[in-house]
C-alpha atoms as a PDB file:
ATOM      1  CA  MET A   1      20.023 -51.785  33.346  1.00  0.00           C
ATOM      2  CA  GLN A   2      19.158 -52.029  37.030  1.00  0.00           C
ATOM      3  CA  SER A   3      16.081 -53.782  38.339  1.00  0.00           C
ATOM      4  CA  LYS A   4      13.234 -51.527  39.422  1.00  0.00           C
ATOM      5  CA  THR A   5      13.879 -52.487  43.044  1.00  0.00           C
ATOM      6  CA  ARG A   6      17.503 -51.346  42.765  1.00  0.00           C
ATOM      7  CA  GLN A   7      16.417 -48.131  41.029  1.00  0.00           C
ATOM      8  CA  ILE A   8      14.089 -47.334  43.932  1.00  0.00           C
ATOM      9  CA  ILE A   9      16.835 -48.082  46.468  1.00  0.00           C
ATOM     10  CA  ALA A  10      19.233 -45.795  44.596  1.00  0.00           C
ATOM     11  CA  PHE A  11      16.622 -43.010  44.463  1.00  0.00           C
ATOM     12  CA  LEU A  12      15.694 -43.230  48.150  1.00  0.00           C
ATOM     13  CA  GLY A  13      19.392 -43.487  49.035  1.00  0.00           C
ATOM     14  CA  THR A  14      19.870 -39.909  47.809  1.00  0.00           C
ATOM     15  CA  GLY A  15      17.757 -38.685  50.734  1.00  0.00           C
ATOM     16  CA  LYS A  16      14.589 -38.071  48.728  1.00  0.00           C
ATOM     17  CA  ASP A  17      11.256 -39.730  49.420  1.00  0.00           C
ATOM     18  CA  LEU A  18       8.612 -41.315  47.215  1.00  0.00           C
ATOM     19  CA  THR A  19       4.852 -41.701  47.457  1.00  0.00           C
ATOM     20  CA  THR A  20       2.849 -44.666  46.237  1.00  0.00           C
ATOM     21  CA  SER A  21       1.648 -42.776  43.160  1.00  0.00           C
ATOM     22  CA  GLN A  22       5.169 -41.540  42.327  1.00  0.00           C
ATOM     23  CA  ILE A  23       6.479 -45.112  42.427  1.00  0.00           C
ATOM     24  CA  GLN A  24       3.690 -46.225  40.107  1.00  0.00           C
ATOM     25  CA  ARG A  25       4.341 -43.369  37.650  1.00  0.00           C
ATOM     26  CA  GLN A  26       8.137 -43.120  37.693  1.00  0.00           C
ATOM     27  CA  PHE A  27       8.986 -46.816  37.865  1.00  0.00           C
ATOM     28  CA  GLY A  28       5.916 -48.427  36.272  1.00  0.00           C
ATOM     29  CA  ILE A  29       5.199 -50.624  39.284  1.00  0.00           C
ATOM     30  CA  SER A  30       1.611 -51.725  39.887  1.00  0.00           C
ATOM     31  CA  ASN A  31       2.102 -53.735  43.114  1.00  0.00           C
ATOM     32  CA  VAL A  32       3.877 -51.098  45.201  1.00  0.00           C
ATOM     33  CA  SER A  33       3.357 -52.911  48.506  1.00  0.00           C
ATOM     34  CA  ALA A  34       5.193 -56.063  47.383  1.00  0.00           C
ATOM     35  CA  THR A  35       8.009 -54.068  45.790  1.00  0.00           C
ATOM     36  CA  MET A  36       8.529 -51.946  48.892  1.00  0.00           C
ATOM     37  CA  SER A  37       8.538 -55.077  51.044  1.00  0.00           C
ATOM     38  CA  SER A  38      11.465 -56.334  48.939  1.00  0.00           C
ATOM     39  CA  VAL A  39      13.185 -52.949  49.222  1.00  0.00           C
ATOM     40  CA  ARG A  40      12.791 -53.061  53.013  1.00  0.00           C
ATOM     41  CA  LYS A  41      14.346 -56.545  53.247  1.00  0.00           C
ATOM     42  CA  ILE A  42      17.350 -55.461  51.192  1.00  0.00           C
ATOM     43  CA  VAL A  43      18.089 -52.140  52.926  1.00  0.00           C
ATOM     44  CA  GLU A  44      17.480 -53.339  56.485  1.00  0.00           C
ATOM     45  CA  GLN A  45      19.537 -56.501  56.007  1.00  0.00           C
ATOM     46  CA  TYR A  46      22.775 -54.937  57.268  1.00  0.00           C
ATOM     47  CA  GLY A  47      21.285 -52.770  60.001  1.00  0.00           C
ATOM     48  CA  ASN A  48      22.579 -49.352  58.904  1.00  0.00           C
ATOM     49  CA  TRP A  49      19.367 -48.119  57.168  1.00  0.00           C
ATOM     50  CA  ARG A  50      15.713 -48.285  58.115  1.00  0.00           C
ATOM     51  CA  MET A  51      12.809 -47.718  55.763  1.00  0.00           C
ATOM     52  CA  VAL A  52      10.155 -45.332  57.063  1.00  0.00           C
ATOM     53  CA  ASN A  53       6.514 -45.539  55.896  1.00  0.00           C
ATOM     54  CA  THR A  54       4.272 -42.552  56.573  1.00  0.00           C
ATOM     55  CA  PRO A  55       0.586 -42.624  55.585  1.00  0.00           C
ATOM     56  CA  LEU A  56      -0.416 -39.634  53.469  1.00  0.00           C
ATOM     57  CA  LYS A  57      -2.813 -37.183  55.128  1.00  0.00           C
ATOM     58  CA  ASN A  58      -5.401 -37.630  52.381  1.00  0.00           C
ATOM     59  CA  GLY A  59      -5.434 -41.395  53.036  1.00  0.00           C
ATOM     60  CA  ASN A  60      -4.501 -42.259  49.459  1.00  0.00           C
ATOM     61  CA  GLY A  61      -1.165 -43.998  49.812  1.00  0.00           C
ATOM     62  CA  THR A  62       2.099 -43.938  51.708  1.00  0.00           C
ATOM     63  CA  ARG A  63       5.302 -41.881  51.673  1.00  0.00           C
ATOM     64  CA  TYR A  64       8.499 -43.976  51.769  1.00  0.00           C
ATOM     65  CA  SER A  65      11.951 -42.796  52.838  1.00  0.00           C
ATOM     66  CA  PHE A  66      15.184 -44.127  54.350  1.00  0.00           C
ATOM     67  CA  LYS A  67      16.616 -43.218  57.721  1.00  0.00           C
ATOM     68  CA  ARG A  68      20.184 -43.945  58.731  1.00  0.00           C
ATOM     69  CA  VAL A  69      20.348 -45.979  61.932  1.00  0.00           C
END
């Protein structure tokens, strides 16, 4: 079984995106900010991916996705 951080990386690596509430529901994570900080460190370590954070229009969270550099 993969860690939740690795599961999120695998999901975002497919080209899909996730919102704060989706991460809480699908992966059972309560501290999304800390988890996504760890995800960012891992994926940006080698310089070929960048994590993109976009605030939601309703102001209730963030949309996360990966962008190839």
